Amino acid sequence: MRPARKEAVTEPHEAWLVVPNEGPFTTVPLAEDALVLLSAPLGDEARASSHSPEEFVDRLAALPSSNRPGVGYDLSFDGDGRVAKVQSLYTS
């Protein structure tokens, strides 16, 4: 993961403007029972689809490093610092 800043946009439609940070990525643990909510395609998919946490990690790791800056997720963490929820925000 790499932190980003989300800014609310209300005109002409409600949306989030996601401004990614520069710099290295950090590996974070994914909880075994994590919820993965994809609303944007991942990798070579034509449209978003459901994935188990394991499939999600495998598909994300398979992306070429040049494509990773164009994929954004909102992460929620549990009390142990593991990712408990992954929700896709955009794919540019």
N, C-alpha and C. Protein backbone atom coordinates (compact mmCIF):
# COMPACT_ATOMS: atom_id res chain seq x y z
N MET A 1 0.83 -1.16 0.00
CA MET A 1 0.00 0.00 0.00
C MET A 1 0.88 1.23 0.00
N ARG A 2 0.29 2.32 -0.43
CA ARG A 2 0.95 3.62 -0.36
C ARG A 2 -0.17 4.61 -0.03
N PRO A 3 0.02 5.42 0.99
CA PRO A 3 -1.05 6.34 1.39
C PRO A 3 -1.45 7.30 0.27
N ALA A 4 -2.69 7.74 0.36
CA ALA A 4 -3.22 8.74 -0.57
C ALA A 4 -4.15 9.64 0.23
N ARG A 5 -4.48 10.75 -0.37
CA ARG A 5 -5.40 11.70 0.25
C ARG A 5 -6.71 11.67 -0.53
N LYS A 6 -7.84 11.59 0.18
CA LYS A 6 -9.16 11.62 -0.46
C LYS A 6 -9.79 12.98 -0.19
N GLU A 7 -10.31 13.58 -1.24
CA GLU A 7 -11.01 14.86 -1.11
C GLU A 7 -12.41 14.70 -1.69
N ALA A 8 -13.42 15.15 -0.96
CA ALA A 8 -14.80 15.07 -1.44
C ALA A 8 -15.02 16.07 -2.57
N VAL A 9 -15.66 15.60 -3.63
CA VAL A 9 -16.04 16.45 -4.75
C VAL A 9 -17.57 16.39 -4.83
N THR A 10 -18.22 17.54 -4.85
CA THR A 10 -19.68 17.54 -4.85
C THR A 10 -20.28 18.07 -6.14
N GLU A 11 -19.50 18.67 -6.99
CA GLU A 11 -20.02 19.23 -8.24
C GLU A 11 -19.23 18.69 -9.43
N PRO A 12 -19.77 18.29 -10.52
CA PRO A 12 -21.19 18.21 -10.80
C PRO A 12 -21.84 16.96 -10.20
N HIS A 13 -21.03 15.97 -9.74
CA HIS A 13 -21.55 14.76 -9.10
C HIS A 13 -20.74 14.50 -7.84
N GLU A 14 -21.34 13.80 -6.89
CA GLU A 14 -20.61 13.42 -5.69
C GLU A 14 -19.62 12.32 -6.02
N ALA A 15 -18.38 12.52 -5.60
CA ALA A 15 -17.32 11.55 -5.86
C ALA A 15 -16.15 11.85 -4.94
N TRP A 16 -15.15 11.00 -5.00
CA TRP A 16 -13.90 11.25 -4.27
C TRP A 16 -12.82 11.57 -5.29
N LEU A 17 -12.02 12.55 -4.98
CA LEU A 17 -10.80 12.82 -5.73
C LEU A 17 -9.68 12.18 -4.92
N VAL A 18 -8.99 11.22 -5.49
CA VAL A 18 -7.93 10.51 -4.79
C VAL A 18 -6.60 11.01 -5.32
N VAL A 19 -5.77 11.53 -4.41
CA VAL A 19 -4.47 12.08 -4.76
C VAL A 19 -3.40 11.16 -4.18
N PRO A 20 -2.79 10.28 -4.99
CA PRO A 20 -1.79 9.35 -4.48
C PRO A 20 -0.51 10.07 -4.06
N ASN A 21 0.14 9.52 -3.04
CA ASN A 21 1.45 10.01 -2.63
C ASN A 21 2.52 9.37 -3.50
N GLU A 22 3.67 9.96 -3.52
CA GLU A 22 4.83 9.38 -4.20
C GLU A 22 5.61 8.57 -3.18
N GLY A 23 6.51 7.74 -3.64
CA GLY A 23 7.38 7.01 -2.73
C GLY A 23 7.12 5.52 -2.77
N PRO A 24 7.81 4.81 -1.90
CA PRO A 24 7.74 3.35 -1.92
C PRO A 24 6.42 2.81 -1.37
N PHE A 25 6.12 1.60 -1.77
CA PHE A 25 4.95 0.89 -1.25
C PHE A 25 5.34 0.19 0.04
N THR A 26 4.37 -0.03 0.91
CA THR A 26 4.55 -0.75 2.16
C THR A 26 3.65 -1.96 2.16
N THR A 27 4.16 -3.10 2.60
CA THR A 27 3.36 -4.31 2.69
C THR A 27 2.59 -4.30 4.00
N VAL A 28 1.29 -4.59 3.93
CA VAL A 28 0.45 -4.67 5.13
C VAL A 28 -0.24 -6.02 5.14
N PRO A 29 -0.43 -6.62 6.33
CA PRO A 29 -1.09 -7.93 6.39
C PRO A 29 -2.59 -7.81 6.14
N LEU A 30 -3.14 -8.83 5.50
CA LEU A 30 -4.56 -8.90 5.21
C LEU A 30 -5.19 -9.93 6.14
N ALA A 31 -6.21 -9.53 6.89
CA ALA A 31 -6.89 -10.46 7.80
C ALA A 31 -7.50 -11.61 7.01
N GLU A 32 -7.52 -12.80 7.61
CA GLU A 32 -8.07 -13.98 6.93
C GLU A 32 -9.52 -13.79 6.53
N ASP A 33 -10.28 -13.07 7.33
CA ASP A 33 -11.70 -12.87 7.05
C ASP A 33 -11.98 -11.48 6.46
N ALA A 34 -10.98 -10.91 5.79
CA ALA A 34 -11.14 -9.57 5.21
C ALA A 34 -12.25 -9.55 4.17
N LEU A 35 -12.92 -8.43 4.10
CA LEU A 35 -13.99 -8.21 3.13
C LEU A 35 -13.39 -7.44 1.95
N VAL A 36 -13.54 -7.99 0.74
CA VAL A 36 -13.00 -7.36 -0.47
C VAL A 36 -14.18 -6.91 -1.33
N LEU A 37 -14.35 -5.60 -1.49
CA LEU A 37 -15.45 -5.02 -2.27
C LEU A 37 -14.87 -4.30 -3.47
N LEU A 38 -14.96 -4.90 -4.63
CA LEU A 38 -14.40 -4.31 -5.83
C LEU A 38 -15.48 -3.65 -6.67
N SER A 39 -15.27 -2.39 -6.99
CA SER A 39 -16.19 -1.69 -7.88
C SER A 39 -15.48 -1.26 -9.15
N ALA A 40 -14.21 -1.64 -9.29
CA ALA A 40 -13.43 -1.39 -10.50
C ALA A 40 -12.72 -2.69 -10.86
N PRO A 41 -12.54 -2.96 -12.15
CA PRO A 41 -11.86 -4.19 -12.57
C PRO A 41 -10.44 -4.26 -12.02
N LEU A 42 -9.95 -5.47 -11.81
CA LEU A 42 -8.59 -5.69 -11.33
C LEU A 42 -7.84 -6.52 -12.35
N GLY A 43 -6.78 -5.96 -12.91
CA GLY A 43 -5.98 -6.68 -13.88
C GLY A 43 -6.65 -6.73 -15.23
N ASP A 44 -6.76 -7.94 -15.80
CA ASP A 44 -7.28 -8.10 -17.16
C ASP A 44 -8.79 -8.30 -17.20
N GLU A 45 -9.50 -8.06 -16.10
CA GLU A 45 -10.94 -8.22 -16.09
C GLU A 45 -11.62 -7.13 -16.91
N ALA A 46 -12.72 -7.48 -17.55
CA ALA A 46 -13.50 -6.49 -18.31
C ALA A 46 -14.36 -5.65 -17.37
N ARG A 47 -14.77 -6.27 -16.23
CA ARG A 47 -15.57 -5.54 -15.25
C ARG A 47 -15.24 -6.07 -13.86
N ALA A 48 -15.66 -5.35 -12.85
CA ALA A 48 -15.37 -5.75 -11.48
C ALA A 48 -16.06 -7.07 -11.16
N SER A 49 -15.41 -7.89 -10.34
CA SER A 49 -16.00 -9.14 -9.90
C SER A 49 -15.53 -9.45 -8.48
N SER A 50 -16.20 -10.37 -7.83
CA SER A 50 -15.86 -10.73 -6.46
C SER A 50 -14.64 -11.63 -6.42
N HIS A 51 -13.85 -11.47 -5.36
CA HIS A 51 -12.67 -12.31 -5.15
C HIS A 51 -12.55 -12.61 -3.68
N SER A 52 -12.02 -13.77 -3.37
CA SER A 52 -11.66 -14.06 -1.98
C SER A 52 -10.44 -13.19 -1.66
N PRO A 53 -10.13 -13.00 -0.38
CA PRO A 53 -8.91 -12.24 -0.06
C PRO A 53 -7.66 -12.83 -0.71
N GLU A 54 -7.57 -14.16 -0.77
CA GLU A 54 -6.39 -14.81 -1.37
C GLU A 54 -6.31 -14.50 -2.87
N GLU A 55 -7.45 -14.62 -3.57
CA GLU A 55 -7.48 -14.31 -5.00
C GLU A 55 -7.13 -12.85 -5.25
N PHE A 56 -7.66 -11.98 -4.40
CA PHE A 56 -7.39 -10.55 -4.54
C PHE A 56 -5.89 -10.28 -4.44
N VAL A 57 -5.25 -10.83 -3.43
CA VAL A 57 -3.81 -10.62 -3.24
C VAL A 57 -3.04 -11.18 -4.43
N ASP A 58 -3.40 -12.37 -4.90
CA ASP A 58 -2.72 -12.97 -6.05
C ASP A 58 -2.87 -12.10 -7.29
N ARG A 59 -4.09 -11.61 -7.55
CA ARG A 59 -4.33 -10.78 -8.74
C ARG A 59 -3.61 -9.45 -8.64
N LEU A 60 -3.61 -8.86 -7.45
CA LEU A 60 -2.92 -7.59 -7.26
C LEU A 60 -1.41 -7.76 -7.43
N ALA A 61 -0.86 -8.83 -6.90
CA ALA A 61 0.58 -9.09 -7.02
C ALA A 61 0.98 -9.38 -8.47
N ALA A 62 0.05 -9.89 -9.28
CA ALA A 62 0.34 -10.21 -10.68
C ALA A 62 0.36 -8.97 -11.58
N LEU A 63 -0.16 -7.85 -11.08
CA LEU A 63 -0.15 -6.63 -11.89
C LEU A 63 1.28 -6.17 -12.13
N PRO A 64 1.60 -5.73 -13.34
CA PRO A 64 2.92 -5.14 -13.56
C PRO A 64 3.10 -3.92 -12.66
N SER A 65 4.29 -3.72 -12.15
CA SER A 65 4.53 -2.60 -11.23
C SER A 65 4.17 -1.26 -11.87
N SER A 66 4.25 -1.16 -13.20
CA SER A 66 3.91 0.09 -13.87
C SER A 66 2.40 0.38 -13.81
N ASN A 67 1.56 -0.65 -13.59
CA ASN A 67 0.11 -0.46 -13.51
C ASN A 67 -0.36 -0.15 -12.10
N ARG A 68 0.42 -0.47 -11.09
CA ARG A 68 -0.04 -0.33 -9.71
C ARG A 68 -0.37 1.09 -9.30
N PRO A 69 0.33 2.13 -9.77
CA PRO A 69 -0.06 3.48 -9.36
C PRO A 69 -1.46 3.88 -9.85
N GLY A 70 -2.01 3.18 -10.83
CA GLY A 70 -3.33 3.52 -11.35
C GLY A 70 -4.48 2.80 -10.67
N VAL A 71 -4.18 2.06 -9.60
CA VAL A 71 -5.20 1.30 -8.89
C VAL A 71 -5.29 1.85 -7.47
N GLY A 72 -6.51 2.16 -7.03
CA GLY A 72 -6.66 2.74 -5.70
C GLY A 72 -7.69 2.02 -4.86
N TYR A 73 -7.40 1.88 -3.58
CA TYR A 73 -8.27 1.18 -2.64
C TYR A 73 -8.37 1.97 -1.35
N ASP A 74 -9.53 1.85 -0.73
CA ASP A 74 -9.75 2.39 0.60
C ASP A 74 -9.61 1.20 1.55
N LEU A 75 -8.68 1.27 2.49
CA LEU A 75 -8.42 0.18 3.42
C LEU A 75 -8.93 0.53 4.80
N SER A 76 -9.54 -0.45 5.46
CA SER A 76 -9.92 -0.33 6.86
C SER A 76 -9.14 -1.38 7.63
N PHE A 77 -8.63 -1.00 8.79
CA PHE A 77 -7.78 -1.88 9.58
C PHE A 77 -8.48 -2.34 10.85
N ASP A 78 -8.14 -3.55 11.30
CA ASP A 78 -8.68 -4.05 12.57
C ASP A 78 -7.76 -3.61 13.70
N GLY A 79 -8.07 -4.01 14.92
CA GLY A 79 -7.29 -3.61 16.09
C GLY A 79 -5.89 -4.17 16.13
N ASP A 80 -5.59 -5.17 15.27
CA ASP A 80 -4.25 -5.77 15.23
C ASP A 80 -3.42 -5.23 14.08
N GLY A 81 -3.90 -4.20 13.39
CA GLY A 81 -3.15 -3.60 12.29
C GLY A 81 -3.25 -4.34 10.97
N ARG A 82 -4.19 -5.29 10.88
CA ARG A 82 -4.38 -6.02 9.63
C ARG A 82 -5.50 -5.36 8.84
N VAL A 83 -5.43 -5.49 7.51
CA VAL A 83 -6.48 -4.94 6.66
C VAL A 83 -7.73 -5.81 6.83
N ALA A 84 -8.82 -5.19 7.28
CA ALA A 84 -10.07 -5.90 7.51
C ALA A 84 -11.06 -5.70 6.36
N LYS A 85 -10.92 -4.58 5.64
CA LYS A 85 -11.82 -4.32 4.50
C LYS A 85 -11.04 -3.60 3.41
N VAL A 86 -11.24 -4.05 2.19
CA VAL A 86 -10.64 -3.46 1.00
C VAL A 86 -11.79 -3.05 0.09
N GLN A 87 -11.85 -1.78 -0.27
CA GLN A 87 -12.88 -1.33 -1.20
C GLN A 87 -12.19 -0.57 -2.33
N SER A 88 -12.44 -1.02 -3.57
CA SER A 88 -11.80 -0.36 -4.69
C SER A 88 -12.45 1.00 -4.91
N LEU A 89 -11.60 1.96 -5.26
CA LEU A 89 -12.07 3.33 -5.52
C LEU A 89 -11.96 3.68 -6.98
N TYR A 90 -10.88 3.28 -7.62
CA TYR A 90 -10.68 3.67 -9.01
C TYR A 90 -9.64 2.80 -9.68
N THR A 91 -9.68 2.78 -10.99
CA THR A 91 -8.62 2.24 -11.83
C THR A 91 -8.47 3.23 -12.96
N SER A 92 -7.29 3.82 -13.08
CA SER A 92 -7.10 4.82 -14.14
C SER A 92 -6.48 4.18 -15.37
